């Protein structure tokens, strides 16, 4: 939940510059056998602007793998 809180604290919508965001973790299937057997092994963080509904997806494995999460989020949100 730490990543979601950091994203919420730093969020600014790239379309309308709103700072209120809805954040959810979602799981999706991949291709091949995972799709056939409906195995949801891909997890993403979905960030949706509360004003215009613009949504971006982030890979939490990449964000969690950074030594300095703040630096990674600064790159994403300026």
PDB file of N, CA and C in Angstrom:
ATOM      1  N   UNK A   1       0.819  -1.195   0.000  1.00  0.00           N
ATOM      2  CA  UNK A   1       0.000   0.000   0.000  1.00  0.00           C
ATOM      3  C   UNK A   1       0.862   1.258   0.000  1.00  0.00           C
ATOM      4  N   UNK A   2       2.119   1.131   0.306  1.00  0.00           N
ATOM      5  CA  UNK A   2       3.030   2.268   0.341  1.00  0.00           C
ATOM      6  C   UNK A   2       3.129   2.955  -1.015  1.00  0.00           C
ATOM      7  N   UNK A   3       3.205   2.175  -2.080  1.00  0.00           N
ATOM      8  CA  UNK A   3       3.323   2.741  -3.422  1.00  0.00           C
ATOM      9  C   UNK A   3       2.079   3.543  -3.774  1.00  0.00           C
ATOM     10  N   UNK A   4       0.900   3.006  -3.475  1.00  0.00           N
ATOM     11  CA  UNK A   4      -0.331   3.702  -3.778  1.00  0.00           C
ATOM     12  C   UNK A   4      -0.405   5.041  -3.052  1.00  0.00           C
ATOM     13  N   UNK A   5       0.028   5.078  -1.798  1.00  0.00           N
ATOM     14  CA  UNK A   5       0.000   6.326  -1.028  1.00  0.00           C
ATOM     15  C   UNK A   5       0.963   7.350  -1.615  1.00  0.00           C
ATOM     16  N   UNK A   6       2.136   6.905  -2.018  1.00  0.00           N
ATOM     17  CA  UNK A   6       3.106   7.817  -2.630  1.00  0.00           C
ATOM     18  C   UNK A   6       2.589   8.367  -3.960  1.00  0.00           C
ATOM     19  N   UNK A   7       1.957   7.524  -4.760  1.00  0.00           N
ATOM     20  CA  UNK A   7       1.386   7.990  -6.021  1.00  0.00           C
ATOM     21  C   UNK A   7       0.299   9.027  -5.743  1.00  0.00           C
ATOM     22  N   UNK A   8      -0.587   8.747  -4.787  1.00  0.00           N
ATOM     23  CA  UNK A   8      -1.668   9.677  -4.452  1.00  0.00           C
ATOM     24  C   UNK A   8      -1.120  11.021  -3.983  1.00  0.00           C
ATOM     25  N   UNK A   9      -0.046  10.998  -3.212  1.00  0.00           N
ATOM     26  CA  UNK A   9       0.547  12.235  -2.699  1.00  0.00           C
ATOM     27  C   UNK A   9       1.153  13.086  -3.812  1.00  0.00           C
ATOM     28  N   UNK A  10       1.651  12.451  -4.862  1.00  0.00           N
ATOM     29  CA  UNK A  10       2.368  13.165  -5.916  1.00  0.00           C
ATOM     30  C   UNK A  10       1.577  13.324  -7.213  1.00  0.00           C
ATOM     31  N   UNK A  11       0.371  12.796  -7.262  1.00  0.00           N
ATOM     32  CA  UNK A  11      -0.373  12.724  -8.511  1.00  0.00           C
ATOM     33  C   UNK A  11      -0.756  14.099  -9.062  1.00  0.00           C
ATOM     34  N   UNK A  12      -0.582  14.249 -10.352  1.00  0.00           N
ATOM     35  CA  UNK A  12      -1.090  15.387 -11.111  1.00  0.00           C
ATOM     36  C   UNK A  12      -1.473  14.847 -12.484  1.00  0.00           C
ATOM     37  N   UNK A  13      -2.742  14.977 -12.839  1.00  0.00           N
ATOM     38  CA  UNK A  13      -3.235  14.440 -14.106  1.00  0.00           C
ATOM     39  C   UNK A  13      -2.528  15.129 -15.274  1.00  0.00           C
ATOM     40  N   UNK A  14      -1.978  14.360 -16.209  1.00  0.00           N
ATOM     41  CA  UNK A  14      -1.298  14.966 -17.355  1.00  0.00           C
ATOM     42  C   UNK A  14      -2.241  15.691 -18.318  1.00  0.00           C
ATOM     43  N   UNK A  15      -3.542  15.405 -18.247  1.00  0.00           N
ATOM     44  CA  UNK A  15      -4.497  16.066 -19.151  1.00  0.00           C
ATOM     45  C   UNK A  15      -5.085  17.332 -18.546  1.00  0.00           C
ATOM     46  N   UNK A  16      -5.578  17.254 -17.302  1.00  0.00           N
ATOM     47  CA  UNK A  16      -6.301  18.393 -16.726  1.00  0.00           C
ATOM     48  C   UNK A  16      -5.632  18.990 -15.486  1.00  0.00           C
ATOM     49  N   UNK A  17      -4.526  18.421 -15.048  1.00  0.00           N
ATOM     50  CA  UNK A  17      -3.740  18.893 -13.894  1.00  0.00           C
ATOM     51  C   UNK A  17      -4.458  18.765 -12.554  1.00  0.00           C
ATOM     52  N   UNK A  18      -5.517  17.964 -12.493  1.00  0.00           N
ATOM     53  CA  UNK A  18      -6.211  17.699 -11.244  1.00  0.00           C
ATOM     54  C   UNK A  18      -5.305  16.870 -10.333  1.00  0.00           C
ATOM     55  N   UNK A  19      -5.482  16.999  -9.016  1.00  0.00           N
ATOM     56  CA  UNK A  19      -4.638  16.265  -8.070  1.00  0.00           C
ATOM     57  C   UNK A  19      -5.381  15.165  -7.319  1.00  0.00           C
ATOM     58  N   UNK A  20      -6.668  14.981  -7.602  1.00  0.00           N
ATOM     59  CA  UNK A  20      -7.429  13.913  -6.949  1.00  0.00           C
ATOM     60  C   UNK A  20      -7.424  12.681  -7.840  1.00  0.00           C
ATOM     61  N   UNK A  21      -7.076  11.531  -7.265  1.00  0.00           N
ATOM     62  CA  UNK A  21      -6.893  10.323  -8.047  1.00  0.00           C
ATOM     63  C   UNK A  21      -7.556   9.131  -7.358  1.00  0.00           C
ATOM     64  N   UNK A  22      -8.079   8.220  -8.154  1.00  0.00           N
ATOM     65  CA  UNK A  22      -8.565   6.931  -7.672  1.00  0.00           C
ATOM     66  C   UNK A  22      -7.535   5.886  -8.061  1.00  0.00           C
ATOM     67  N   UNK A  23      -7.136   5.060  -7.106  1.00  0.00           N
ATOM     68  CA  UNK A  23      -6.077   4.074  -7.346  1.00  0.00           C
ATOM     69  C   UNK A  23      -6.585   2.687  -6.995  1.00  0.00           C
ATOM     70  N   UNK A  24      -6.348   1.737  -7.915  1.00  0.00           N
ATOM     71  CA  UNK A  24      -6.700   0.336  -7.684  1.00  0.00           C
ATOM     72  C   UNK A  24      -5.607  -0.556  -8.251  1.00  0.00           C
ATOM     73  N   UNK A  25      -5.434  -1.703  -7.639  1.00  0.00           N
ATOM     74  CA  UNK A  25      -4.590  -2.745  -8.223  1.00  0.00           C
ATOM     75  C   UNK A  25      -5.493  -3.649  -9.033  1.00  0.00           C
ATOM     76  N   UNK A  26      -5.058  -3.961 -10.247  1.00  0.00           N
ATOM     77  CA  UNK A  26      -5.836  -4.849 -11.102  1.00  0.00           C
ATOM     78  C   UNK A  26      -4.953  -6.008 -11.547  1.00  0.00           C
ATOM     79  N   UNK A  27      -5.585  -7.122 -11.869  1.00  0.00           N
ATOM     80  CA  UNK A  27      -4.870  -8.294 -12.368  1.00  0.00           C
ATOM     81  C   UNK A  27      -5.415  -8.635 -13.747  1.00  0.00           C
ATOM     82  N   UNK A  28      -4.520  -9.017 -14.635  1.00  0.00           N
ATOM     83  CA  UNK A  28      -4.914  -9.367 -15.998  1.00  0.00           C
ATOM     84  C   UNK A  28      -4.279 -10.692 -16.396  1.00  0.00           C
ATOM     85  N   UNK A  29      -4.861 -11.313 -17.402  1.00  0.00           N
ATOM     86  CA  UNK A  29      -4.260 -12.533 -17.938  1.00  0.00           C
ATOM     87  C   UNK A  29      -3.181 -12.132 -18.938  1.00  0.00           C
ATOM     88  N   UNK A  30      -2.376 -13.073 -19.290  1.00  0.00           N
ATOM     89  CA  UNK A  30      -1.357 -12.852 -20.305  1.00  0.00           C
ATOM     90  C   UNK A  30      -1.804 -13.481 -21.608  1.00  0.00           C
ATOM     91  N   UNK A  31      -0.877 -14.109 -22.291  1.00  0.00           N
ATOM     92  CA  UNK A  31      -1.196 -14.800 -23.537  1.00  0.00           C
ATOM     93  C   UNK A  31      -0.982 -16.293 -23.345  1.00  0.00           C
ATOM     94  N   UNK A  32      -1.370 -17.058 -24.318  1.00  0.00           N
ATOM     95  CA  UNK A  32      -1.132 -18.502 -24.283  1.00  0.00           C
ATOM     96  C   UNK A  32      -1.939 -19.207 -23.213  1.00  0.00           C
ATOM     97  N   UNK A  33      -1.265 -20.077 -22.434  1.00  0.00           N
ATOM     98  CA  UNK A  33      -1.951 -20.900 -21.437  1.00  0.00           C
ATOM     99  C   UNK A  33      -2.606 -20.075 -20.340  1.00  0.00           C
ATOM    100  N   UNK A  34      -1.982 -18.989 -19.939  1.00  0.00           N
ATOM    101  CA  UNK A  34      -2.598 -18.182 -18.878  1.00  0.00           C
ATOM    102  C   UNK A  34      -3.924 -17.591 -19.344  1.00  0.00           C
ATOM    103  N   UNK A  35      -4.021 -17.281 -20.611  1.00  0.00           N
ATOM    104  CA  UNK A  35      -5.279 -16.755 -21.140  1.00  0.00           C
ATOM    105  C   UNK A  35      -6.320 -17.870 -21.261  1.00  0.00           C
ATOM    106  N   UNK A  36      -5.903 -19.024 -21.719  1.00  0.00           N
ATOM    107  CA  UNK A  36      -6.824 -20.150 -21.881  1.00  0.00           C
ATOM    108  C   UNK A  36      -7.404 -20.563 -20.528  1.00  0.00           C
ATOM    109  N   UNK A  37      -6.548 -20.624 -19.493  1.00  0.00           N
ATOM    110  CA  UNK A  37      -6.988 -21.074 -18.171  1.00  0.00           C
ATOM    111  C   UNK A  37      -7.377 -19.915 -17.250  1.00  0.00           C
ATOM    112  N   UNK A  38      -7.428 -18.697 -17.796  1.00  0.00           N
ATOM    113  CA  UNK A  38      -7.833 -17.508 -17.047  1.00  0.00           C
ATOM    114  C   UNK A  38      -6.994 -17.326 -15.776  1.00  0.00           C
ATOM    115  N   UNK A  39      -5.684 -17.410 -15.927  1.00  0.00           N
ATOM    116  CA  UNK A  39      -4.755 -17.202 -14.819  1.00  0.00           C
ATOM    117  C   UNK A  39      -4.297 -15.755 -14.868  1.00  0.00           C
ATOM    118  N   UNK A  40      -4.674 -14.988 -13.858  1.00  0.00           N
ATOM    119  CA  UNK A  40      -4.346 -13.568 -13.818  1.00  0.00           C
ATOM    120  C   UNK A  40      -3.038 -13.357 -13.052  1.00  0.00           C
ATOM    121  N   UNK A  41      -1.957 -13.328 -13.768  1.00  0.00           N
ATOM    122  CA  UNK A  41      -0.659 -13.217 -13.115  1.00  0.00           C
ATOM    123  C   UNK A  41       0.010 -11.866 -13.348  1.00  0.00           C
ATOM    124  N   UNK A  42      -0.577 -11.017 -14.173  1.00  0.00           N
ATOM    125  CA  UNK A  42      -0.034  -9.679 -14.402  1.00  0.00           C
ATOM    126  C   UNK A  42      -0.785  -8.694 -13.521  1.00  0.00           C
ATOM    127  N   UNK A  43      -0.080  -8.025 -12.627  1.00  0.00           N
ATOM    128  CA  UNK A  43      -0.697  -7.076 -11.708  1.00  0.00           C
ATOM    129  C   UNK A  43      -0.217  -5.670 -12.057  1.00  0.00           C
ATOM    130  N   UNK A  44      -1.155  -4.727 -12.076  1.00  0.00           N
ATOM    131  CA  UNK A  44      -0.838  -3.339 -12.379  1.00  0.00           C
ATOM    132  C   UNK A  44      -1.533  -2.419 -11.386  1.00  0.00           C
ATOM    133  N   UNK A  45      -1.035  -1.217 -11.263  1.00  0.00           N
ATOM    134  CA  UNK A  45      -1.689  -0.184 -10.479  1.00  0.00           C
ATOM    135  C   UNK A  45      -2.353   0.759 -11.476  1.00  0.00           C
ATOM    136  N   UNK A  46      -3.677   0.903 -11.373  1.00  0.00           N
ATOM    137  CA  UNK A  46      -4.429   1.797 -12.246  1.00  0.00           C
ATOM    138  C   UNK A  46      -4.694   3.093 -11.497  1.00  0.00           C
ATOM    139  N   UNK A  47      -4.314   4.218 -12.099  1.00  0.00           N
ATOM    140  CA  UNK A  47      -4.516   5.542 -11.507  1.00  0.00           C
ATOM    141  C   UNK A  47      -5.459   6.320 -12.415  1.00  0.00           C
ATOM    142  N   UNK A  48      -6.650   6.645 -11.905  1.00  0.00           N
ATOM    143  CA  UNK A  48      -7.662   7.351 -12.694  1.00  0.00           C
ATOM    144  C   UNK A  48      -7.921   8.723 -12.102  1.00  0.00           C
ATOM    145  N   UNK A  49      -7.878   9.722 -12.937  1.00  0.00           N
ATOM    146  CA  UNK A  49      -8.159  11.089 -12.521  1.00  0.00           C
ATOM    147  C   UNK A  49      -9.617  11.189 -12.082  1.00  0.00           C
ATOM    148  N   UNK A  50      -9.860  11.808 -10.938  1.00  0.00           N
ATOM    149  CA  UNK A  50     -11.222  11.952 -10.420  1.00  0.00           C
ATOM    150  C   UNK A  50     -12.037  12.955 -11.222  1.00  0.00           C
ATOM    151  N   UNK A  51     -11.401  13.816 -11.989  1.00  0.00           N
ATOM    152  CA  UNK A  51     -12.124  14.819 -12.768  1.00  0.00           C
ATOM    153  C   UNK A  51     -12.417  14.346 -14.194  1.00  0.00           C
ATOM    154  N   UNK A  52     -11.379  13.949 -14.943  1.00  0.00           N
ATOM    155  CA  UNK A  52     -11.564  13.651 -16.371  1.00  0.00           C
ATOM    156  C   UNK A  52     -11.521  12.161 -16.702  1.00  0.00           C
ATOM    157  N   UNK A  53     -11.241  11.315 -15.732  1.00  0.00           N
ATOM    158  CA  UNK A  53     -11.193   9.852 -15.881  1.00  0.00           C
ATOM    159  C   UNK A  53     -10.000   9.337 -16.674  1.00  0.00           C
ATOM    160  N   UNK A  54      -9.034  10.193 -16.998  1.00  0.00           N
ATOM    161  CA  UNK A  54      -7.821   9.732 -17.671  1.00  0.00           C
ATOM    162  C   UNK A  54      -7.154   8.701 -16.768  1.00  0.00           C
ATOM    163  N   UNK A  55      -6.755   7.568 -17.336  1.00  0.00           N
ATOM    164  CA  UNK A  55      -6.198   6.472 -16.545  1.00  0.00           C
ATOM    165  C   UNK A  55      -4.845   6.051 -17.085  1.00  0.00           C
ATOM    166  N   UNK A  56      -3.908   5.852 -16.160  1.00  0.00           N
ATOM    167  CA  UNK A  56      -2.583   5.329 -16.493  1.00  0.00           C
ATOM    168  C   UNK A  56      -2.362   4.069 -15.678  1.00  0.00           C
ATOM    169  N   UNK A  57      -1.563   3.159 -16.236  1.00  0.00           N
ATOM    170  CA  UNK A  57      -1.246   1.909 -15.563  1.00  0.00           C
ATOM    171  C   UNK A  57       0.246   1.855 -15.271  1.00  0.00           C
ATOM    172  N   UNK A  58       0.582   1.379 -14.076  1.00  0.00           N
ATOM    173  CA  UNK A  58       1.978   1.251 -13.666  1.00  0.00           C
ATOM    174  C   UNK A  58       2.246  -0.173 -13.213  1.00  0.00           C
ATOM    175  N   UNK A  59       3.453  -0.627 -13.471  1.00  0.00           N
ATOM    176  CA  UNK A  59       3.874  -1.953 -13.064  1.00  0.00           C
ATOM    177  C   UNK A  59       4.500  -1.848 -11.675  1.00  0.00           C
ATOM    178  N   UNK A  60       3.848  -2.394 -10.633  1.00  0.00           N
ATOM    179  CA  UNK A  60       4.383  -2.260  -9.279  1.00  0.00           C
ATOM    180  C   UNK A  60       5.720  -2.972  -9.085  1.00  0.00           C
ATOM    181  N   UNK A  61       5.991  -4.003  -9.883  1.00  0.00           N
ATOM    182  CA  UNK A  61       7.278  -4.692  -9.766  1.00  0.00           C
ATOM    183  C   UNK A  61       8.422  -3.751 -10.103  1.00  0.00           C
ATOM    184  N   UNK A  62       8.224  -2.895 -11.076  1.00  0.00           N
ATOM    185  CA  UNK A  62       9.259  -1.936 -11.448  1.00  0.00           C
ATOM    186  C   UNK A  62       9.396  -0.869 -10.372  1.00  0.00           C
ATOM    187  N   UNK A  63       8.266  -0.345  -9.885  1.00  0.00           N
ATOM    188  CA  UNK A  63       8.322   0.682  -8.845  1.00  0.00           C
ATOM    189  C   UNK A  63       8.910   0.138  -7.552  1.00  0.00           C
ATOM    190  N   UNK A  64       8.545  -1.088  -7.177  1.00  0.00           N
ATOM    191  CA  UNK A  64       9.064  -1.681  -5.949  1.00  0.00           C
ATOM    192  C   UNK A  64      10.531  -2.054  -6.081  1.00  0.00           C
ATOM    193  N   UNK A  65      10.999  -2.268  -7.300  1.00  0.00           N
ATOM    194  CA  UNK A  65      12.388  -2.662  -7.515  1.00  0.00           C
ATOM    195  C   UNK A  65      13.356  -1.508  -7.455  1.00  0.00           C
ATOM    196  N   UNK A  66      12.849  -0.283  -7.438  1.00  0.00           N
ATOM    197  CA  UNK A  66      13.726   0.880  -7.384  1.00  0.00           C
ATOM    198  C   UNK A  66      14.298   1.036  -5.983  1.00  0.00           C
ATOM    199  N   UNK A  67      15.579   1.418  -5.909  1.00  0.00           N
ATOM    200  CA  UNK A  67      16.191   1.691  -4.612  1.00  0.00           C
ATOM    201  C   UNK A  67      15.593   2.951  -3.993  1.00  0.00           C
ATOM    202  N   UNK A  68      15.258   3.903  -4.842  1.00  0.00           N
ATOM    203  CA  UNK A  68      14.704   5.156  -4.364  1.00  0.00           C
ATOM    204  C   UNK A  68      13.352   5.375  -5.034  1.00  0.00           C
ATOM    205  N   UNK A  69      12.282   4.976  -4.363  1.00  0.00           N
ATOM    206  CA  UNK A  69      10.943   5.074  -4.918  1.00  0.00           C
ATOM    207  C   UNK A  69      10.600   6.519  -5.249  1.00  0.00           C
ATOM    208  N   UNK A  70      11.033   7.442  -4.428  1.00  0.00           N
ATOM    209  CA  UNK A  70      10.748   8.849  -4.676  1.00  0.00           C
ATOM    210  C   UNK A  70      11.296   9.313  -6.009  1.00  0.00           C
ATOM    211  N   UNK A  71      12.483   8.879  -6.364  1.00  0.00           N
ATOM    212  CA  UNK A  71      13.082   9.271  -7.639  1.00  0.00           C
ATOM    213  C   UNK A  71      12.276   8.708  -8.806  1.00  0.00           C
ATOM    214  N   UNK A  72      11.797   7.488  -8.675  1.00  0.00           N
ATOM    215  CA  UNK A  72      10.989   6.884  -9.739  1.00  0.00           C
ATOM    216  C   UNK A  72       9.676   7.631  -9.908  1.00  0.00           C
ATOM    217  N   UNK A  73       9.041   7.992  -8.795  1.00  0.00           N
ATOM    218  CA  UNK A  73       7.790   8.709  -8.881  1.00  0.00           C
ATOM    219  C   UNK A  73       7.994  10.123  -9.397  1.00  0.00           C
ATOM    220  N   UNK A  74       9.118  10.735  -9.081  1.00  0.00           N
ATOM    221  CA  UNK A  74       9.431  12.058  -9.625  1.00  0.00           C
ATOM    222  C   UNK A  74       9.531  12.004 -11.141  1.00  0.00           C
ATOM    223  N   UNK A  75      10.087  10.922 -11.670  1.00  0.00           N
ATOM    224  CA  UNK A  75      10.165  10.778 -13.121  1.00  0.00           C
ATOM    225  C   UNK A  75       8.778  10.653 -13.737  1.00  0.00           C
ATOM    226  N   UNK A  76       7.870   9.964 -13.056  1.00  0.00           N
ATOM    227  CA  UNK A  76       6.525   9.758 -13.568  1.00  0.00           C
ATOM    228  C   UNK A  76       5.673  11.021 -13.486  1.00  0.00           C
ATOM    229  N   UNK A  77       5.754  11.719 -12.363  1.00  0.00           N
ATOM    230  CA  UNK A  77       4.838  12.828 -12.111  1.00  0.00           C
ATOM    231  C   UNK A  77       5.506  14.203 -12.095  1.00  0.00           C
ATOM    232  N   UNK A  78       6.777  14.254 -12.466  1.00  0.00           N
ATOM    233  CA  UNK A  78       7.443  15.544 -12.548  1.00  0.00           C
ATOM    234  C   UNK A  78       7.748  16.062 -11.237  1.00  0.00           C
TER     235      UNK A  78
END
